[in-house]
Amino acid sequence: MKRYSWRSTLFMEIGEPLSWPLGIVSIIVALAGFQLLNIGFYSSPIFIGILIGFISHEYMHRYVSRKYHMASIYTANALGVVVTLVSSLLPIKLLMPGYVRTWTLGPASRKGVLYSVASGPMINIAIAAVLFAFSLFYQPYSFFLRGIAWINAYLSLFNLIPIPPLDGEKVIRLDLMLWAVMFVVSLVFVLIL
């Protein structure tokens, strides 16, 4: 029987398919906190925004990586899950339960790496923009649509912070102008929604 130390357990990485529910649940707990106890939460913009935003974000990393001939899987990290869960008690939410691990199957193009890294925050920005536009025309659903849009804008903004291991650090290293535009757009959406 293999024994694990607390250090090896804390830095353990969990592969697919278990990594997806771990990532989703930890982010829901971090952003929702005690709202999880309210049955109405599960039809709220926060819950739906997290599901749409997180799954779209990580899936786009995978999809674009594979489009540029790189292998990729979503991997939860035990330490990241713990940090995400503990941040539910903090005013600032640290959403980092995992990442899309990507590796090349041959020579990697700089463009492919940039697009695969930027695609996660970019899809969150696109979702926020579309839902914000819809909220202007569908007034009865404005609060609901803007709530989902805000969650996506927040996910994008958080991921664009230029510190490792977040996407922002990689994007800023590969294309400073693209990072600046994405960061400003995300920030504007977070502030106006």
N, C-alpha and C. Protein backbone atom coordinates (compact mmCIF):
# COMPACT_ATOMS: atom_id res chain seq x y z
N MET A 1 0.84 -1.18 0.00
CA MET A 1 0.00 0.00 0.00
C MET A 1 0.89 1.25 0.00
N LYS A 2 0.65 2.15 -0.93
CA LYS A 2 1.46 3.35 -1.06
C LYS A 2 1.00 4.37 -0.02
N ARG A 3 1.98 4.96 0.69
CA ARG A 3 1.67 5.96 1.71
C ARG A 3 2.04 7.34 1.16
N TYR A 4 1.19 8.30 1.47
CA TYR A 4 1.41 9.67 1.02
C TYR A 4 1.72 10.55 2.22
N SER A 5 2.69 11.43 2.09
CA SER A 5 2.94 12.43 3.12
C SER A 5 1.98 13.59 2.87
N TRP A 6 1.84 14.47 3.84
CA TRP A 6 0.95 15.62 3.67
C TRP A 6 1.44 16.51 2.55
N ARG A 7 2.76 16.59 2.37
CA ARG A 7 3.29 17.43 1.28
C ARG A 7 2.95 16.85 -0.09
N SER A 8 3.13 15.56 -0.24
CA SER A 8 2.81 14.97 -1.55
C SER A 8 1.31 15.03 -1.82
N THR A 9 0.51 14.93 -0.76
CA THR A 9 -0.94 15.02 -0.92
C THR A 9 -1.34 16.44 -1.30
N LEU A 10 -0.74 17.43 -0.65
CA LEU A 10 -1.08 18.83 -0.90
C LEU A 10 -0.75 19.25 -2.33
N PHE A 11 0.31 18.70 -2.90
CA PHE A 11 0.71 19.08 -4.25
C PHE A 11 0.24 18.07 -5.31
N MET A 12 -0.61 17.15 -4.91
CA MET A 12 -1.11 16.13 -5.83
C MET A 12 -1.96 16.77 -6.92
N GLU A 13 -1.83 16.24 -8.10
CA GLU A 13 -2.66 16.69 -9.21
C GLU A 13 -3.65 15.59 -9.56
N ILE A 14 -4.87 16.02 -9.82
CA ILE A 14 -5.96 15.09 -10.12
C ILE A 14 -6.34 15.28 -11.58
N GLY A 15 -6.33 14.20 -12.35
CA GLY A 15 -6.63 14.29 -13.77
C GLY A 15 -8.12 14.19 -14.05
N GLU A 16 -8.44 14.20 -15.32
CA GLU A 16 -9.82 14.06 -15.76
C GLU A 16 -10.29 12.64 -15.51
N PRO A 17 -11.53 12.40 -15.26
CA PRO A 17 -12.66 13.31 -15.23
C PRO A 17 -12.93 13.93 -13.86
N LEU A 18 -12.30 13.45 -12.79
CA LEU A 18 -12.57 13.95 -11.44
C LEU A 18 -12.19 15.42 -11.28
N SER A 19 -11.23 15.90 -12.04
CA SER A 19 -10.78 17.29 -11.90
C SER A 19 -11.89 18.29 -12.21
N TRP A 20 -12.77 17.97 -13.16
CA TRP A 20 -13.84 18.91 -13.53
C TRP A 20 -14.79 19.18 -12.37
N PRO A 21 -15.40 18.16 -11.75
CA PRO A 21 -16.30 18.47 -10.63
C PRO A 21 -15.57 19.12 -9.45
N LEU A 22 -14.32 18.74 -9.19
CA LEU A 22 -13.56 19.37 -8.11
C LEU A 22 -13.38 20.86 -8.38
N GLY A 23 -13.01 21.20 -9.59
CA GLY A 23 -12.83 22.61 -9.95
C GLY A 23 -14.13 23.39 -9.86
N ILE A 24 -15.20 22.84 -10.40
CA ILE A 24 -16.50 23.53 -10.39
C ILE A 24 -16.99 23.73 -8.97
N VAL A 25 -16.96 22.68 -8.16
CA VAL A 25 -17.48 22.76 -6.79
C VAL A 25 -16.66 23.75 -5.96
N SER A 26 -15.35 23.72 -6.10
CA SER A 26 -14.53 24.63 -5.28
C SER A 26 -14.78 26.09 -5.66
N ILE A 27 -14.97 26.38 -6.93
CA ILE A 27 -15.25 27.76 -7.33
C ILE A 27 -16.65 28.18 -6.88
N ILE A 28 -17.61 27.29 -6.96
CA ILE A 28 -18.96 27.60 -6.47
C ILE A 28 -18.93 27.91 -4.98
N VAL A 29 -18.23 27.09 -4.21
CA VAL A 29 -18.13 27.33 -2.77
C VAL A 29 -17.44 28.66 -2.50
N ALA A 30 -16.35 28.95 -3.21
CA ALA A 30 -15.61 30.20 -2.98
C ALA A 30 -16.47 31.42 -3.27
N LEU A 31 -17.22 31.41 -4.37
CA LEU A 31 -18.00 32.58 -4.75
C LEU A 31 -19.36 32.66 -4.05
N ALA A 32 -19.91 31.52 -3.67
CA ALA A 32 -21.25 31.51 -3.09
C ALA A 32 -21.26 31.54 -1.57
N GLY A 33 -20.29 30.91 -0.94
CA GLY A 33 -20.25 30.87 0.51
C GLY A 33 -21.51 30.23 1.08
N PHE A 34 -22.13 30.93 2.03
CA PHE A 34 -23.31 30.39 2.71
C PHE A 34 -24.56 30.40 1.85
N GLN A 35 -24.51 31.06 0.70
CA GLN A 35 -25.66 31.03 -0.20
C GLN A 35 -25.96 29.61 -0.69
N LEU A 36 -24.96 28.74 -0.58
CA LEU A 36 -25.15 27.34 -0.99
C LEU A 36 -26.28 26.67 -0.22
N LEU A 37 -26.57 27.17 0.98
CA LEU A 37 -27.61 26.58 1.82
C LEU A 37 -29.01 26.97 1.36
N ASN A 38 -29.10 27.97 0.51
CA ASN A 38 -30.39 28.44 0.00
C ASN A 38 -30.69 27.72 -1.32
N ILE A 39 -31.80 27.03 -1.38
CA ILE A 39 -32.16 26.25 -2.58
C ILE A 39 -32.32 27.16 -3.80
N GLY A 40 -32.72 28.41 -3.60
CA GLY A 40 -32.87 29.35 -4.70
C GLY A 40 -31.56 29.72 -5.36
N PHE A 41 -30.46 29.51 -4.66
CA PHE A 41 -29.15 29.82 -5.22
C PHE A 41 -28.89 29.04 -6.50
N TYR A 42 -29.40 27.83 -6.59
CA TYR A 42 -29.09 26.95 -7.72
C TYR A 42 -29.79 27.36 -9.02
N SER A 43 -30.62 28.40 -8.95
CA SER A 43 -31.17 28.96 -10.19
C SER A 43 -30.78 30.44 -10.30
N SER A 44 -29.77 30.84 -9.54
CA SER A 44 -29.34 32.24 -9.52
C SER A 44 -28.32 32.53 -10.62
N PRO A 45 -28.13 33.81 -10.94
CA PRO A 45 -27.11 34.17 -11.93
C PRO A 45 -25.70 33.79 -11.50
N ILE A 46 -25.44 33.80 -10.19
CA ILE A 46 -24.10 33.44 -9.71
C ILE A 46 -23.81 31.98 -10.05
N PHE A 47 -24.72 31.10 -9.70
CA PHE A 47 -24.52 29.67 -9.94
C PHE A 47 -24.39 29.38 -11.44
N ILE A 48 -25.32 29.91 -12.22
CA ILE A 48 -25.31 29.67 -13.67
C ILE A 48 -24.08 30.32 -14.30
N GLY A 49 -23.71 31.51 -13.83
CA GLY A 49 -22.52 32.19 -14.35
C GLY A 49 -21.25 31.41 -14.09
N ILE A 50 -21.16 30.81 -12.88
CA ILE A 50 -19.98 30.00 -12.56
C ILE A 50 -19.90 28.78 -13.47
N LEU A 51 -21.02 28.10 -13.63
CA LEU A 51 -21.02 26.91 -14.49
C LEU A 51 -20.61 27.27 -15.92
N ILE A 52 -21.28 28.27 -16.47
CA ILE A 52 -20.99 28.67 -17.85
C ILE A 52 -19.57 29.19 -17.97
N GLY A 53 -19.18 30.08 -17.06
CA GLY A 53 -17.88 30.73 -17.15
C GLY A 53 -16.71 29.79 -16.95
N PHE A 54 -16.76 28.98 -15.90
CA PHE A 54 -15.64 28.08 -15.60
C PHE A 54 -15.48 27.01 -16.68
N ILE A 55 -16.58 26.36 -17.03
CA ILE A 55 -16.50 25.30 -18.04
C ILE A 55 -16.05 25.87 -19.39
N SER A 56 -16.61 27.00 -19.79
CA SER A 56 -16.22 27.62 -21.07
C SER A 56 -14.75 28.01 -21.06
N HIS A 57 -14.31 28.60 -19.96
CA HIS A 57 -12.92 29.05 -19.84
C HIS A 57 -11.94 27.89 -20.02
N GLU A 58 -12.12 26.85 -19.22
CA GLU A 58 -11.18 25.72 -19.27
C GLU A 58 -11.32 24.93 -20.56
N TYR A 59 -12.55 24.79 -21.05
CA TYR A 59 -12.76 24.07 -22.30
C TYR A 59 -12.09 24.79 -23.48
N MET A 60 -12.15 26.13 -23.49
CA MET A 60 -11.53 26.87 -24.59
C MET A 60 -10.02 26.70 -24.58
N HIS A 61 -9.41 26.68 -23.38
CA HIS A 61 -7.98 26.39 -23.32
C HIS A 61 -7.69 25.05 -24.01
N ARG A 62 -8.47 24.03 -23.65
CA ARG A 62 -8.28 22.69 -24.23
C ARG A 62 -8.50 22.70 -25.72
N TYR A 63 -9.62 23.29 -26.14
CA TYR A 63 -10.00 23.27 -27.54
C TYR A 63 -8.94 23.94 -28.42
N VAL A 64 -8.51 25.14 -28.04
CA VAL A 64 -7.54 25.88 -28.85
C VAL A 64 -6.18 25.19 -28.82
N SER A 65 -5.79 24.65 -27.67
CA SER A 65 -4.53 23.90 -27.61
C SER A 65 -4.55 22.76 -28.62
N ARG A 66 -5.62 22.01 -28.61
CA ARG A 66 -5.73 20.87 -29.52
C ARG A 66 -5.81 21.32 -30.98
N LYS A 67 -6.44 22.46 -31.21
CA LYS A 67 -6.51 23.00 -32.58
C LYS A 67 -5.11 23.31 -33.11
N TYR A 68 -4.21 23.71 -32.23
CA TYR A 68 -2.83 24.01 -32.62
C TYR A 68 -1.91 22.81 -32.37
N HIS A 69 -2.48 21.62 -32.38
CA HIS A 69 -1.74 20.36 -32.32
C HIS A 69 -0.93 20.18 -31.04
N MET A 70 -1.53 20.61 -29.93
CA MET A 70 -0.93 20.37 -28.62
C MET A 70 -1.88 19.48 -27.83
N ALA A 71 -1.34 18.60 -27.03
CA ALA A 71 -2.16 17.76 -26.16
C ALA A 71 -2.52 18.58 -24.92
N SER A 72 -3.71 18.36 -24.39
CA SER A 72 -4.11 19.12 -23.20
C SER A 72 -5.20 18.38 -22.43
N ILE A 73 -5.14 18.53 -21.11
CA ILE A 73 -6.18 18.00 -20.22
C ILE A 73 -6.37 18.98 -19.07
N TYR A 74 -7.59 19.03 -18.53
CA TYR A 74 -7.82 19.84 -17.35
C TYR A 74 -7.37 19.05 -16.14
N THR A 75 -6.56 19.68 -15.29
CA THR A 75 -5.98 19.03 -14.12
C THR A 75 -6.28 19.87 -12.89
N ALA A 76 -6.91 19.26 -11.89
CA ALA A 76 -7.10 19.94 -10.61
C ALA A 76 -5.85 19.74 -9.77
N ASN A 77 -5.54 20.72 -8.97
CA ASN A 77 -4.39 20.68 -8.09
C ASN A 77 -4.91 20.74 -6.66
N ALA A 78 -4.51 19.81 -5.80
CA ALA A 78 -5.04 19.74 -4.44
C ALA A 78 -4.81 21.07 -3.70
N LEU A 79 -3.62 21.64 -3.80
CA LEU A 79 -3.35 22.92 -3.13
C LEU A 79 -4.24 24.02 -3.69
N GLY A 80 -4.42 24.05 -5.00
CA GLY A 80 -5.29 25.05 -5.62
C GLY A 80 -6.73 24.92 -5.17
N VAL A 81 -7.21 23.69 -5.03
CA VAL A 81 -8.57 23.46 -4.54
C VAL A 81 -8.69 23.98 -3.11
N VAL A 82 -7.71 23.67 -2.26
CA VAL A 82 -7.73 24.13 -0.87
C VAL A 82 -7.71 25.65 -0.81
N VAL A 83 -6.81 26.29 -1.58
CA VAL A 83 -6.74 27.75 -1.59
C VAL A 83 -8.07 28.35 -2.05
N THR A 84 -8.66 27.79 -3.09
CA THR A 84 -9.94 28.27 -3.59
C THR A 84 -11.02 28.15 -2.53
N LEU A 85 -11.09 27.00 -1.86
CA LEU A 85 -12.11 26.80 -0.82
C LEU A 85 -11.90 27.75 0.36
N VAL A 86 -10.66 27.92 0.81
CA VAL A 86 -10.38 28.81 1.94
C VAL A 86 -10.71 30.25 1.59
N SER A 87 -10.56 30.62 0.32
CA SER A 87 -10.83 32.00 -0.07
C SER A 87 -12.31 32.35 0.05
N SER A 88 -13.17 31.34 0.24
CA SER A 88 -14.59 31.63 0.47
C SER A 88 -14.76 32.47 1.74
N LEU A 89 -13.78 32.42 2.64
CA LEU A 89 -13.82 33.18 3.89
C LEU A 89 -13.19 34.56 3.75
N LEU A 90 -12.59 34.84 2.62
CA LEU A 90 -11.87 36.10 2.40
C LEU A 90 -12.69 37.06 1.53
N PRO A 91 -12.41 38.36 1.63
CA PRO A 91 -13.13 39.30 0.75
C PRO A 91 -12.74 39.17 -0.72
N ILE A 92 -11.49 38.76 -0.98
CA ILE A 92 -11.03 38.54 -2.36
C ILE A 92 -10.99 37.04 -2.60
N LYS A 93 -11.62 36.61 -3.67
CA LYS A 93 -11.71 35.18 -3.99
C LYS A 93 -10.54 34.77 -4.87
N LEU A 94 -9.80 33.77 -4.42
CA LEU A 94 -8.66 33.24 -5.16
C LEU A 94 -9.10 31.97 -5.88
N LEU A 95 -9.40 32.10 -7.15
CA LEU A 95 -10.00 31.03 -7.92
C LEU A 95 -8.93 30.32 -8.74
N MET A 96 -8.33 29.30 -8.16
CA MET A 96 -7.26 28.59 -8.86
C MET A 96 -7.25 27.10 -8.54
N PRO A 97 -8.39 26.41 -8.76
CA PRO A 97 -8.43 25.00 -8.42
C PRO A 97 -7.66 24.09 -9.37
N GLY A 98 -7.31 24.59 -10.52
CA GLY A 98 -6.61 23.75 -11.48
C GLY A 98 -6.23 24.53 -12.72
N TYR A 99 -5.81 23.81 -13.71
CA TYR A 99 -5.35 24.44 -14.94
C TYR A 99 -5.43 23.41 -16.07
N VAL A 100 -5.36 23.91 -17.29
CA VAL A 100 -5.28 23.03 -18.45
C VAL A 100 -3.80 22.78 -18.71
N ARG A 101 -3.40 21.56 -18.48
CA ARG A 101 -2.01 21.18 -18.74
C ARG A 101 -1.88 20.93 -20.23
N THR A 102 -0.94 21.63 -20.84
CA THR A 102 -0.73 21.53 -22.28
C THR A 102 0.72 21.16 -22.55
N TRP A 103 0.90 20.28 -23.48
CA TRP A 103 2.26 19.95 -23.91
C TRP A 103 2.24 19.75 -25.41
N THR A 104 3.38 20.03 -25.99
CA THR A 104 3.47 19.97 -27.44
C THR A 104 3.83 18.56 -27.89
N LEU A 105 3.36 18.25 -29.06
CA LEU A 105 3.65 16.95 -29.66
C LEU A 105 4.71 17.10 -30.75
N GLY A 106 5.29 18.25 -30.79
CA GLY A 106 6.31 18.61 -31.77
C GLY A 106 6.66 20.06 -31.55
N PRO A 107 7.22 20.72 -32.54
CA PRO A 107 7.53 22.13 -32.35
C PRO A 107 6.25 22.95 -32.16
N ALA A 108 6.22 23.77 -31.13
CA ALA A 108 5.04 24.59 -30.84
C ALA A 108 5.20 25.97 -31.46
N SER A 109 4.14 26.47 -32.02
CA SER A 109 4.19 27.82 -32.56
C SER A 109 3.87 28.81 -31.44
N ARG A 110 4.53 29.94 -31.47
CA ARG A 110 4.29 30.98 -30.47
C ARG A 110 2.82 31.42 -30.53
N LYS A 111 2.30 31.53 -31.74
CA LYS A 111 0.91 31.94 -31.93
C LYS A 111 -0.03 30.92 -31.29
N GLY A 112 0.23 29.64 -31.47
CA GLY A 112 -0.62 28.61 -30.89
C GLY A 112 -0.62 28.64 -29.37
N VAL A 113 0.56 28.85 -28.78
CA VAL A 113 0.66 28.93 -27.32
C VAL A 113 -0.10 30.15 -26.82
N LEU A 114 0.12 31.32 -27.48
CA LEU A 114 -0.57 32.55 -27.08
C LEU A 114 -2.08 32.38 -27.17
N TYR A 115 -2.56 31.87 -28.29
CA TYR A 115 -4.00 31.73 -28.46
C TYR A 115 -4.60 30.74 -27.47
N SER A 116 -3.88 29.67 -27.17
CA SER A 116 -4.43 28.69 -26.23
C SER A 116 -4.50 29.28 -24.82
N VAL A 117 -3.53 30.10 -24.44
CA VAL A 117 -3.54 30.72 -23.11
C VAL A 117 -4.59 31.83 -23.04
N ALA A 118 -4.67 32.65 -24.08
CA ALA A 118 -5.60 33.79 -24.08
C ALA A 118 -7.05 33.39 -24.30
N SER A 119 -7.28 32.19 -24.83
CA SER A 119 -8.65 31.80 -25.19
C SER A 119 -9.57 31.67 -23.98
N GLY A 120 -9.04 31.28 -22.83
CA GLY A 120 -9.88 31.14 -21.63
C GLY A 120 -10.49 32.47 -21.21
N PRO A 121 -9.64 33.48 -20.89
CA PRO A 121 -10.20 34.79 -20.54
C PRO A 121 -11.00 35.42 -21.68
N MET A 122 -10.59 35.15 -22.92
CA MET A 122 -11.29 35.75 -24.06
C MET A 122 -12.73 35.26 -24.15
N ILE A 123 -12.97 33.97 -23.89
CA ILE A 123 -14.35 33.47 -23.97
C ILE A 123 -15.19 34.07 -22.84
N ASN A 124 -14.58 34.28 -21.67
CA ASN A 124 -15.32 34.93 -20.58
C ASN A 124 -15.68 36.37 -20.94
N ILE A 125 -14.77 37.08 -21.61
CA ILE A 125 -15.05 38.44 -22.06
C ILE A 125 -16.18 38.43 -23.09
N ALA A 126 -16.13 37.48 -24.02
CA ALA A 126 -17.16 37.38 -25.06
C ALA A 126 -18.53 37.10 -24.44
N ILE A 127 -18.58 36.19 -23.48
CA ILE A 127 -19.85 35.87 -22.80
C ILE A 127 -20.37 37.11 -22.08
N ALA A 128 -19.49 37.82 -21.37
CA ALA A 128 -19.90 39.03 -20.66
C ALA A 128 -20.45 40.07 -21.63
N ALA A 129 -19.78 40.25 -22.77
CA ALA A 129 -20.20 41.26 -23.75
C ALA A 129 -21.56 40.91 -24.35
N VAL A 130 -21.74 39.66 -24.73
CA VAL A 130 -23.00 39.23 -25.35
C VAL A 130 -24.16 39.37 -24.35
N LEU A 131 -23.94 38.91 -23.13
CA LEU A 131 -25.02 38.98 -22.14
C LEU A 131 -25.32 40.42 -21.73
N PHE A 132 -24.29 41.26 -21.68
CA PHE A 132 -24.52 42.67 -21.40
C PHE A 132 -25.38 43.29 -22.50
N ALA A 133 -25.06 43.00 -23.76
CA ALA A 133 -25.85 43.52 -24.88
C ALA A 133 -27.29 43.02 -24.80
N PHE A 134 -27.48 41.73 -24.52
CA PHE A 134 -28.84 41.20 -24.38
C PHE A 134 -29.58 41.87 -23.23
N SER A 135 -28.88 42.18 -22.16
CA SER A 135 -29.54 42.79 -21.00
C SER A 135 -30.10 44.17 -21.32
N LEU A 136 -29.54 44.84 -22.33
CA LEU A 136 -30.03 46.15 -22.73
C LEU A 136 -31.35 46.05 -23.48
N PHE A 137 -31.57 44.91 -24.16
CA PHE A 137 -32.77 44.75 -24.98
C PHE A 137 -33.85 43.92 -24.29
N TYR A 138 -33.49 43.13 -23.34
CA TYR A 138 -34.45 42.27 -22.63
C TYR A 138 -34.51 42.70 -21.18
N GLN A 139 -35.15 43.86 -20.96
CA GLN A 139 -35.19 44.47 -19.64
C GLN A 139 -35.73 43.56 -18.53
N PRO A 140 -36.74 42.73 -18.76
CA PRO A 140 -37.22 41.88 -17.66
C PRO A 140 -36.15 40.91 -17.15
N TYR A 141 -35.18 40.59 -17.99
CA TYR A 141 -34.13 39.63 -17.61
C TYR A 141 -32.79 40.32 -17.36
N SER A 142 -32.80 41.64 -17.31
CA SER A 142 -31.57 42.41 -17.21
C SER A 142 -30.72 42.02 -16.00
N PHE A 143 -31.33 41.93 -14.83
CA PHE A 143 -30.58 41.59 -13.61
C PHE A 143 -29.94 40.22 -13.73
N PHE A 144 -30.69 39.27 -14.23
CA PHE A 144 -30.22 37.89 -14.37
C PHE A 144 -29.05 37.82 -15.37
N LEU A 145 -29.23 38.43 -16.55
CA LEU A 145 -28.20 38.41 -17.58
C LEU A 145 -26.94 39.15 -17.14
N ARG A 146 -27.11 40.28 -16.47
CA ARG A 146 -25.95 41.03 -15.99
C ARG A 146 -25.21 40.28 -14.88
N GLY A 147 -25.93 39.52 -14.08
CA GLY A 147 -25.28 38.72 -13.05
C GLY A 147 -24.36 37.67 -13.65
N ILE A 148 -24.86 36.98 -14.66
CA ILE A 148 -24.03 35.97 -15.35
C ILE A 148 -22.86 36.66 -16.05
N ALA A 149 -23.12 37.80 -16.67
CA ALA A 149 -22.06 38.55 -17.35
C ALA A 149 -21.00 39.00 -16.36
N TRP A 150 -21.41 39.47 -15.16
CA TRP A 150 -20.44 39.94 -14.18
C TRP A 150 -19.53 38.79 -13.72
N ILE A 151 -20.09 37.62 -13.47
CA ILE A 151 -19.28 36.47 -13.05
C ILE A 151 -18.23 36.18 -14.12
N ASN A 152 -18.63 36.20 -15.38
CA ASN A 152 -17.68 35.93 -16.47
C ASN A 152 -16.61 37.02 -16.57
N ALA A 153 -17.01 38.28 -16.37
CA ALA A 153 -16.03 39.36 -16.38
C ALA A 153 -15.05 39.20 -15.23
N TYR A 154 -15.55 38.81 -14.06
CA TYR A 154 -14.67 38.60 -12.89
C TYR A 154 -13.69 37.45 -13.14
N LEU A 155 -14.21 36.34 -13.69
CA LEU A 155 -13.32 35.21 -13.99
C LEU A 155 -12.22 35.63 -14.95
N SER A 156 -12.57 36.42 -15.95
CA SER A 156 -11.58 36.89 -16.92
C SER A 156 -10.57 37.81 -16.25
N LEU A 157 -11.07 38.79 -15.48
CA LEU A 157 -10.17 39.74 -14.83
C LEU A 157 -9.22 39.03 -13.87
N PHE A 158 -9.75 38.13 -13.05
CA PHE A 158 -8.90 37.41 -12.11
C PHE A 158 -7.82 36.62 -12.84
N ASN A 159 -8.22 35.91 -13.89
CA ASN A 159 -7.25 35.09 -14.64
C ASN A 159 -6.21 35.93 -15.37
N LEU A 160 -6.50 37.20 -15.61
CA LEU A 160 -5.56 38.06 -16.32
C LEU A 160 -4.59 38.79 -15.39
N ILE A 161 -4.69 38.57 -14.08
CA ILE A 161 -3.71 39.13 -13.17
C ILE A 161 -2.35 38.55 -13.57
N PRO A 162 -1.35 39.41 -13.77
CA PRO A 162 -0.08 38.91 -14.32
C PRO A 162 0.87 38.31 -13.29
N ILE A 163 0.39 37.32 -12.55
CA ILE A 163 1.25 36.58 -11.63
C ILE A 163 1.09 35.10 -11.89
N PRO A 164 2.18 34.35 -11.80
CA PRO A 164 2.07 32.90 -12.01
C PRO A 164 1.21 32.28 -10.92
N PRO A 165 0.43 31.30 -11.16
CA PRO A 165 0.29 30.50 -12.37
C PRO A 165 -0.87 30.96 -13.26
N LEU A 166 -1.37 32.17 -13.06
CA LEU A 166 -2.55 32.64 -13.79
C LEU A 166 -2.23 32.91 -15.26
N ASP A 167 -3.30 32.94 -16.07
CA ASP A 167 -3.15 33.15 -17.51
C ASP A 167 -2.49 34.49 -17.84
N GLY A 168 -2.76 35.50 -17.02
CA GLY A 168 -2.23 36.83 -17.30
C GLY A 168 -0.72 36.88 -17.40
N GLU A 169 -0.04 36.11 -16.56
CA GLU A 169 1.42 36.08 -16.59
C GLU A 169 1.92 35.56 -17.93
N LYS A 170 1.27 34.56 -18.46
CA LYS A 170 1.70 33.98 -19.74
C LYS A 170 1.34 34.89 -20.90
N VAL A 171 0.13 35.49 -20.86
CA VAL A 171 -0.30 36.36 -21.95
C VAL A 171 0.58 37.61 -22.00
N ILE A 172 0.87 38.20 -20.85
CA ILE A 172 1.69 39.42 -20.83
C ILE A 172 3.10 39.15 -21.37
N ARG A 173 3.60 37.95 -21.10
CA ARG A 173 4.93 37.58 -21.59
C ARG A 173 4.92 37.39 -23.12
N LEU A 174 3.82 36.89 -23.66
CA LEU A 174 3.74 36.60 -25.09
C LEU A 174 3.26 37.78 -25.93
N ASP A 175 2.35 38.61 -25.37
CA ASP A 175 1.81 39.74 -26.14
C ASP A 175 1.26 40.78 -25.17
N LEU A 176 2.08 41.76 -24.84
CA LEU A 176 1.71 42.79 -23.86
C LEU A 176 0.46 43.56 -24.29
N MET A 177 0.35 43.90 -25.56
CA MET A 177 -0.79 44.68 -26.03
C MET A 177 -2.10 43.89 -25.91
N LEU A 178 -2.08 42.64 -26.30
CA LEU A 178 -3.28 41.80 -26.16
C LEU A 178 -3.67 41.71 -24.69
N TRP A 179 -2.70 41.49 -23.80
CA TRP A 179 -3.00 41.41 -22.38
C TRP A 179 -3.65 42.71 -21.89
N ALA A 180 -3.08 43.86 -22.28
CA ALA A 180 -3.59 45.15 -21.82
C ALA A 180 -5.04 45.37 -22.26
N VAL A 181 -5.33 45.05 -23.52
CA VAL A 181 -6.69 45.22 -24.04
C VAL A 181 -7.65 44.31 -23.28
N MET A 182 -7.29 43.05 -23.12
CA MET A 182 -8.17 42.11 -22.43
C MET A 182 -8.37 42.51 -20.97
N PHE A 183 -7.30 42.95 -20.31
CA PHE A 183 -7.40 43.35 -18.90
C PHE A 183 -8.32 44.55 -18.73
N VAL A 184 -8.14 45.57 -19.58
CA VAL A 184 -8.97 46.78 -19.48
C VAL A 184 -10.43 46.47 -19.77
N VAL A 185 -10.70 45.67 -20.80
CA VAL A 185 -12.08 45.31 -21.13
C VAL A 185 -12.72 44.54 -19.98
N SER A 186 -11.99 43.58 -19.40
CA SER A 186 -12.52 42.84 -18.26
C SER A 186 -12.81 43.76 -17.08
N LEU A 187 -11.89 44.66 -16.80
CA LEU A 187 -12.06 45.60 -15.69
C LEU A 187 -13.27 46.50 -15.90
N VAL A 188 -13.45 47.00 -17.12
CA VAL A 188 -14.59 47.84 -17.42
C VAL A 188 -15.89 47.07 -17.20
N PHE A 189 -15.96 45.84 -17.67
CA PHE A 189 -17.17 45.03 -17.46
C PHE A 189 -17.43 44.77 -15.98
N VAL A 190 -16.38 44.47 -15.22
CA VAL A 190 -16.56 44.25 -13.78
C VAL A 190 -17.13 45.51 -13.12
N LEU A 191 -16.66 46.67 -13.55
CA LEU A 191 -17.11 47.92 -12.93
C LEU A 191 -18.50 48.36 -13.35
N ILE A 192 -18.88 48.10 -14.60
CA ILE A 192 -20.19 48.61 -15.07
C ILE A 192 -21.34 47.63 -14.88
N LEU A 193 -21.03 46.36 -14.68
CA LEU A 193 -22.12 45.38 -14.56
C LEU A 193 -22.68 45.33 -13.15
